[in-house]
Amino acid sequence: MRKLFSALLALASTIACAACAPFFGGSMNPLSPQVKSVEAFQRDLEPAIIAARNELVTAENFMAYKNSYSIDTYDKDGKTICSFHSRMFFFTELDTDLIRDTYNKRLLPLGFELSEDRWTSGGVEIVDYVWTNEEYHAAVSATTRLGEQTSTYYYTQDTPTDGSTGNPPQMIDQPGRIPDWFDPNLPPAGQG
């Protein structure tokens, strides 16, 4: 029994490490020539992510938000490396099939891959979807606490800059990034 438990634990650890490897030192090397820039992410992928998110998060089902949009930078070997972070939206849509299908429709054709995880915590069933795109070091997350709420956000990690904006932390203007119905005077969750 102990050997079986040890084998299962080793297998689970291997799977967990393999899933994280692309973002944490695996094949997603930010200086690798195949990785697209943070500017390319904003031009090529972000419009589809925004369109899917805006289908799901509406004025009618919006609950709260957390954080703001930002691009963090650091230098590595003389090159500027960026991480893009979106605002996290909390909303009342709990139909996980609808959430999955809405993002799938927009993201899978762009090279994203979906991973799904389900578990129970404190008696609440949680469904976690993460779409990843290795070419852009991009991820989109939607986590539903069934009977309560869903949260969604997207980000890139360790992406180079192509210099096309002249200022990598400056975001490209993106229609819909901030939904028309969003009230900028609302305080973030936990601050109101």
C-alpha atoms as a PDB file:
ATOM      1  CA  MET A   1       0.000   0.000   0.000  1.00  0.00           C
ATOM      2  CA  ARG A   2       2.809   2.397   0.900  1.00  0.00           C
ATOM      3  CA  LYS A   3       4.544   1.701  -2.444  1.00  0.00           C
ATOM      4  CA  LEU A   4       1.309   2.366  -4.318  1.00  0.00           C
ATOM      5  CA  PHE A   5       0.822   5.661  -2.455  1.00  0.00           C
ATOM      6  CA  SER A   6       4.440   6.660  -3.171  1.00  0.00           C
ATOM      7  CA  ALA A   7       4.034   5.810  -6.850  1.00  0.00           C
ATOM      8  CA  LEU A   8       0.809   7.818  -7.104  1.00  0.00           C
ATOM      9  CA  LEU A   9       2.430  10.762  -5.323  1.00  0.00           C
ATOM     10  CA  ALA A  10       5.411  10.623  -7.687  1.00  0.00           C
ATOM     11  CA  LEU A  11       3.095  10.483 -10.700  1.00  0.00           C
ATOM     12  CA  ALA A  12       1.057  13.442  -9.437  1.00  0.00           C
ATOM     13  CA  SER A  13       4.258  15.431  -8.815  1.00  0.00           C
ATOM     14  CA  THR A  14       5.526  14.638 -12.295  1.00  0.00           C
ATOM     15  CA  ILE A  15       2.272  15.740 -13.904  1.00  0.00           C
ATOM     16  CA  ALA A  16       2.189  18.954 -11.852  1.00  0.00           C
ATOM     17  CA  CYS A  17       5.794  19.782 -12.739  1.00  0.00           C
ATOM     18  CA  ALA A  18       5.201  19.019 -16.417  1.00  0.00           C
ATOM     19  CA  ALA A  19       2.172  21.323 -16.454  1.00  0.00           C
ATOM     20  CA  CYS A  20       4.172  24.174 -14.901  1.00  0.00           C
ATOM     21  CA  ALA A  21       7.373  23.602 -16.896  1.00  0.00           C
ATOM     22  CA  PRO A  22       6.398  25.711 -19.910  1.00  0.00           C
ATOM     23  CA  PHE A  23       5.950  28.795 -17.717  1.00  0.00           C
ATOM     24  CA  PHE A  24       8.665  28.160 -15.143  1.00  0.00           C
ATOM     25  CA  GLY A  25      11.923  27.427 -16.886  1.00  0.00           C
ATOM     26  CA  GLY A  26      10.794  24.821 -19.389  1.00  0.00           C
ATOM     27  CA  SER A  27      10.398  25.460 -23.088  1.00  0.00           C
ATOM     28  CA  MET A  28       9.059  28.991 -22.557  1.00  0.00           C
ATOM     29  CA  ASN A  29      12.436  30.717 -22.635  1.00  0.00           C
ATOM     30  CA  PRO A  30      11.738  34.461 -23.064  1.00  0.00           C
ATOM     31  CA  LEU A  31      14.832  34.915 -25.252  1.00  0.00           C
ATOM     32  CA  SER A  32      13.946  32.050 -27.568  1.00  0.00           C
ATOM     33  CA  PRO A  33      13.319  33.380 -31.101  1.00  0.00           C
ATOM     34  CA  GLN A  34       9.939  31.660 -31.463  1.00  0.00           C
ATOM     35  CA  VAL A  35       8.377  33.604 -28.550  1.00  0.00           C
ATOM     36  CA  LYS A  36       6.194  36.475 -29.736  1.00  0.00           C
ATOM     37  CA  SER A  37       6.478  39.913 -28.159  1.00  0.00           C
ATOM     38  CA  VAL A  38       4.152  41.520 -25.634  1.00  0.00           C
ATOM     39  CA  GLU A  39       3.155  43.955 -28.376  1.00  0.00           C
ATOM     40  CA  ALA A  40       2.317  41.042 -30.717  1.00  0.00           C
ATOM     41  CA  PHE A  41       0.223  39.505 -27.932  1.00  0.00           C
ATOM     42  CA  GLN A  42      -1.786  42.730 -27.697  1.00  0.00           C
ATOM     43  CA  ARG A  43      -2.229  42.937 -31.487  1.00  0.00           C
ATOM     44  CA  ASP A  44      -2.773  39.242 -32.298  1.00  0.00           C
ATOM     45  CA  LEU A  45      -4.465  37.601 -29.303  1.00  0.00           C
ATOM     46  CA  GLU A  46      -5.858  40.177 -26.904  1.00  0.00           C
ATOM     47  CA  PRO A  47      -8.762  41.276 -29.172  1.00  0.00           C
ATOM     48  CA  ALA A  48     -10.127  37.699 -29.217  1.00  0.00           C
ATOM     49  CA  ILE A  49      -9.652  37.324 -25.451  1.00  0.00           C
ATOM     50  CA  ILE A  50     -11.463  40.620 -24.852  1.00  0.00           C
ATOM     51  CA  ALA A  51     -14.307  39.641 -27.192  1.00  0.00           C
ATOM     52  CA  ALA A  52     -14.854  36.338 -25.359  1.00  0.00           C
ATOM     53  CA  ARG A  53     -14.577  37.961 -21.937  1.00  0.00           C
ATOM     54  CA  ASN A  54     -17.022  40.705 -22.908  1.00  0.00           C
ATOM     55  CA  GLU A  55     -19.538  38.090 -24.075  1.00  0.00           C
ATOM     56  CA  LEU A  56     -19.362  36.543 -20.609  1.00  0.00           C
ATOM     57  CA  VAL A  57     -18.933  39.549 -18.287  1.00  0.00           C
ATOM     58  CA  THR A  58     -21.755  42.055 -18.722  1.00  0.00           C
ATOM     59  CA  ALA A  59     -23.170  45.001 -16.795  1.00  0.00           C
ATOM     60  CA  GLU A  60     -25.952  42.682 -15.637  1.00  0.00           C
ATOM     61  CA  ASN A  61     -23.742  39.939 -14.148  1.00  0.00           C
ATOM     62  CA  PHE A  62     -20.687  41.973 -13.058  1.00  0.00           C
ATOM     63  CA  MET A  63     -19.940  41.777  -9.322  1.00  0.00           C
ATOM     64  CA  ALA A  64     -16.502  43.285  -8.673  1.00  0.00           C
ATOM     65  CA  TYR A  65     -12.990  43.636 -10.019  1.00  0.00           C
ATOM     66  CA  LYS A  66      -9.456  43.331  -8.713  1.00  0.00           C
ATOM     67  CA  ASN A  67      -6.224  44.913  -9.938  1.00  0.00           C
ATOM     68  CA  SER A  68      -5.746  46.944 -13.064  1.00  0.00           C
ATOM     69  CA  TYR A  69      -4.044  46.437 -16.408  1.00  0.00           C
ATOM     70  CA  SER A  70      -0.262  46.627 -16.335  1.00  0.00           C
ATOM     71  CA  ILE A  71       2.898  45.571 -18.101  1.00  0.00           C
ATOM     72  CA  ASP A  72       5.812  44.844 -15.789  1.00  0.00           C
ATOM     73  CA  THR A  73       9.344  44.845 -17.211  1.00  0.00           C
ATOM     74  CA  TYR A  74      12.802  43.711 -16.209  1.00  0.00           C
ATOM     75  CA  ASP A  75      16.133  43.382 -17.994  1.00  0.00           C
ATOM     76  CA  LYS A  76      17.727  40.014 -18.731  1.00  0.00           C
ATOM     77  CA  ASP A  77      20.998  39.776 -20.624  1.00  0.00           C
ATOM     78  CA  GLY A  78      20.525  43.312 -21.946  1.00  0.00           C
ATOM     79  CA  LYS A  79      17.002  42.666 -23.249  1.00  0.00           C
ATOM     80  CA  THR A  80      13.720  43.984 -21.856  1.00  0.00           C
ATOM     81  CA  ILE A  81      11.373  41.194 -20.751  1.00  0.00           C
ATOM     82  CA  CYS A  82       7.686  41.906 -20.088  1.00  0.00           C
ATOM     83  CA  SER A  83       4.714  40.405 -18.276  1.00  0.00           C
ATOM     84  CA  PHE A  84       1.235  41.651 -19.165  1.00  0.00           C
ATOM     85  CA  HIS A  85      -1.485  41.477 -16.483  1.00  0.00           C
ATOM     86  CA  SER A  86      -5.185  42.138 -17.009  1.00  0.00           C
ATOM     87  CA  ARG A  87      -7.816  43.229 -14.552  1.00  0.00           C
ATOM     88  CA  MET A  88      -9.640  40.331 -12.852  1.00  0.00           C
ATOM     89  CA  PHE A  89     -13.417  40.452 -13.184  1.00  0.00           C
ATOM     90  CA  PHE A  90     -15.826  38.664 -10.826  1.00  0.00           C
ATOM     91  CA  PHE A  91     -19.273  37.889 -12.214  1.00  0.00           C
ATOM     92  CA  THR A  92     -22.345  35.748 -11.567  1.00  0.00           C
ATOM     93  CA  GLU A  93     -22.297  33.469 -14.635  1.00  0.00           C
ATOM     94  CA  LEU A  94     -22.019  29.900 -13.293  1.00  0.00           C
ATOM     95  CA  ASP A  95     -22.655  27.891 -16.485  1.00  0.00           C
ATOM     96  CA  THR A  96     -19.194  26.355 -16.875  1.00  0.00           C
ATOM     97  CA  ASP A  97     -20.098  24.822 -20.250  1.00  0.00           C
ATOM     98  CA  LEU A  98     -20.993  28.286 -21.566  1.00  0.00           C
ATOM     99  CA  ILE A  99     -17.775  29.761 -20.154  1.00  0.00           C
ATOM    100  CA  ARG A 100     -15.636  26.988 -21.666  1.00  0.00           C
ATOM    101  CA  ASP A 101     -17.408  27.106 -25.040  1.00  0.00           C
ATOM    102  CA  THR A 102     -17.270  30.914 -25.302  1.00  0.00           C
ATOM    103  CA  TYR A 103     -13.522  31.044 -24.715  1.00  0.00           C
ATOM    104  CA  ASN A 104     -12.893  27.899 -26.812  1.00  0.00           C
ATOM    105  CA  LYS A 105     -14.668  29.439 -29.806  1.00  0.00           C
ATOM    106  CA  ARG A 106     -12.295  32.428 -29.781  1.00  0.00           C
ATOM    107  CA  LEU A 107      -9.062  30.955 -28.392  1.00  0.00           C
ATOM    108  CA  LEU A 108      -8.603  27.452 -29.801  1.00  0.00           C
ATOM    109  CA  PRO A 109      -8.310  28.716 -33.419  1.00  0.00           C
ATOM    110  CA  LEU A 110      -5.456  30.981 -32.226  1.00  0.00           C
ATOM    111  CA  GLY A 111      -3.355  28.098 -30.901  1.00  0.00           C
ATOM    112  CA  PHE A 112      -4.476  28.075 -27.269  1.00  0.00           C
ATOM    113  CA  GLU A 113      -4.752  24.758 -25.453  1.00  0.00           C
ATOM    114  CA  LEU A 114      -7.300  24.189 -22.687  1.00  0.00           C
ATOM    115  CA  SER A 115      -6.636  22.483 -19.373  1.00  0.00           C
ATOM    116  CA  GLU A 116      -9.452  21.833 -16.922  1.00  0.00           C
ATOM    117  CA  ASP A 117      -9.353  21.006 -13.235  1.00  0.00           C
ATOM    118  CA  ARG A 118     -12.223  20.319 -10.836  1.00  0.00           C
ATOM    119  CA  TRP A 119     -12.140  19.937  -7.070  1.00  0.00           C
ATOM    120  CA  THR A 120     -14.124  20.631  -3.932  1.00  0.00           C
ATOM    121  CA  SER A 121     -12.982  23.028  -1.224  1.00  0.00           C
ATOM    122  CA  GLY A 122     -14.991  23.733   1.912  1.00  0.00           C
ATOM    123  CA  GLY A 123     -17.979  21.996   0.370  1.00  0.00           C
ATOM    124  CA  VAL A 124     -17.875  24.195  -2.760  1.00  0.00           C
ATOM    125  CA  GLU A 125     -17.202  22.644  -6.165  1.00  0.00           C
ATOM    126  CA  ILE A 126     -14.605  24.597  -8.123  1.00  0.00           C
ATOM    127  CA  VAL A 127     -14.071  24.415 -11.879  1.00  0.00           C
ATOM    128  CA  ASP A 128     -10.843  25.930 -13.184  1.00  0.00           C
ATOM    129  CA  TYR A 129     -10.170  26.459 -16.890  1.00  0.00           C
ATOM    130  CA  VAL A 130      -6.805  27.691 -18.156  1.00  0.00           C
ATOM    131  CA  TRP A 131      -6.085  28.326 -21.827  1.00  0.00           C
ATOM    132  CA  THR A 132      -2.374  28.613 -22.640  1.00  0.00           C
ATOM    133  CA  ASN A 133      -0.550  29.684 -25.774  1.00  0.00           C
ATOM    134  CA  GLU A 134       3.126  28.772 -25.668  1.00  0.00           C
ATOM    135  CA  GLU A 135       4.085  30.874 -28.685  1.00  0.00           C
ATOM    136  CA  TYR A 136       3.034  34.053 -26.839  1.00  0.00           C
ATOM    137  CA  HIS A 137       3.623  32.844 -23.253  1.00  0.00           C
ATOM    138  CA  ALA A 138      -0.040  33.738 -22.707  1.00  0.00           C
ATOM    139  CA  ALA A 139      -2.695  32.344 -20.383  1.00  0.00           C
ATOM    140  CA  VAL A 140      -6.399  33.005 -19.876  1.00  0.00           C
ATOM    141  CA  SER A 141      -8.025  31.838 -16.644  1.00  0.00           C
ATOM    142  CA  ALA A 142     -11.660  31.351 -15.658  1.00  0.00           C
ATOM    143  CA  THR A 143     -12.409  29.893 -12.229  1.00  0.00           C
ATOM    144  CA  THR A 144     -15.964  29.158 -11.118  1.00  0.00           C
ATOM    145  CA  ARG A 145     -17.031  28.537  -7.537  1.00  0.00           C
ATOM    146  CA  LEU A 146     -20.316  26.797  -8.279  1.00  0.00           C
ATOM    147  CA  GLY A 147     -23.241  28.484  -6.571  1.00  0.00           C
ATOM    148  CA  GLU A 148     -21.172  31.621  -5.911  1.00  0.00           C
ATOM    149  CA  GLN A 149     -19.195  33.382  -8.663  1.00  0.00           C
ATOM    150  CA  THR A 150     -16.730  33.171 -11.531  1.00  0.00           C
ATOM    151  CA  SER A 151     -13.500  35.119 -11.930  1.00  0.00           C
ATOM    152  CA  THR A 152     -11.560  35.644 -15.142  1.00  0.00           C
ATOM    153  CA  TYR A 153      -8.309  37.318 -16.151  1.00  0.00           C
ATOM    154  CA  TYR A 154      -5.451  36.905 -18.630  1.00  0.00           C
ATOM    155  CA  TYR A 155      -1.719  37.484 -18.669  1.00  0.00           C
ATOM    156  CA  THR A 156       1.607  36.858 -20.366  1.00  0.00           C
ATOM    157  CA  GLN A 157       4.770  35.848 -18.611  1.00  0.00           C
ATOM    158  CA  ASP A 158       8.368  36.487 -19.639  1.00  0.00           C
ATOM    159  CA  THR A 159       7.638  37.851 -23.113  1.00  0.00           C
ATOM    160  CA  PRO A 160      10.154  39.979 -24.997  1.00  0.00           C
ATOM    161  CA  THR A 161       9.376  43.388 -26.439  1.00  0.00           C
ATOM    162  CA  ASP A 162       9.733  44.174 -30.136  1.00  0.00           C
ATOM    163  CA  GLY A 163      10.120  47.897 -29.396  1.00  0.00           C
ATOM    164  CA  SER A 164       7.231  48.852 -31.668  1.00  0.00           C
ATOM    165  CA  THR A 165       5.593  51.089 -29.056  1.00  0.00           C
ATOM    166  CA  GLY A 166       8.850  52.755 -28.022  1.00  0.00           C
ATOM    167  CA  ASN A 167       7.842  52.184 -24.389  1.00  0.00           C
ATOM    168  CA  PRO A 168       7.100  48.530 -23.498  1.00  0.00           C
ATOM    169  CA  PRO A 169       5.075  49.295 -20.321  1.00  0.00           C
ATOM    170  CA  GLN A 170       2.765  51.486 -22.437  1.00  0.00           C
ATOM    171  CA  MET A 171      -0.183  49.384 -23.556  1.00  0.00           C
ATOM    172  CA  ILE A 172      -1.515  49.467 -27.082  1.00  0.00           C
ATOM    173  CA  ASP A 173      -4.968  51.071 -27.094  1.00  0.00           C
ATOM    174  CA  GLN A 174      -7.417  48.186 -27.282  1.00  0.00           C
ATOM    175  CA  PRO A 175     -11.154  48.701 -27.879  1.00  0.00           C
ATOM    176  CA  GLY A 176     -13.208  46.801 -25.306  1.00  0.00           C
ATOM    177  CA  ARG A 177     -10.326  46.188 -22.888  1.00  0.00           C
ATOM    178  CA  ILE A 178     -12.293  48.325 -20.470  1.00  0.00           C
ATOM    179  CA  PRO A 179     -15.950  47.525 -21.226  1.00  0.00           C
ATOM    180  CA  ASP A 180     -18.202  50.475 -22.109  1.00  0.00           C
ATOM    181  CA  TRP A 181     -20.434  49.743 -19.116  1.00  0.00           C
ATOM    182  CA  PHE A 182     -17.542  49.662 -16.608  1.00  0.00           C
ATOM    183  CA  ASP A 183     -17.589  52.490 -14.047  1.00  0.00           C
ATOM    184  CA  PRO A 184     -13.981  53.593 -13.391  1.00  0.00           C
ATOM    185  CA  ASN A 185     -15.100  55.169 -10.104  1.00  0.00           C
ATOM    186  CA  LEU A 186     -15.840  51.762  -8.567  1.00  0.00           C
ATOM    187  CA  PRO A 187     -13.272  50.755  -5.964  1.00  0.00           C
ATOM    188  CA  PRO A 188     -11.577  47.362  -6.422  1.00  0.00           C
ATOM    189  CA  ALA A 189     -12.922  44.371  -4.487  1.00  0.00           C
ATOM    190  CA  GLY A 190     -12.064  44.656  -0.803  1.00  0.00           C
ATOM    191  CA  GLN A 191     -11.536  48.439  -0.952  1.00  0.00           C
ATOM    192  CA  GLY A 192     -15.087  49.758  -0.989  1.00  0.00           C
END
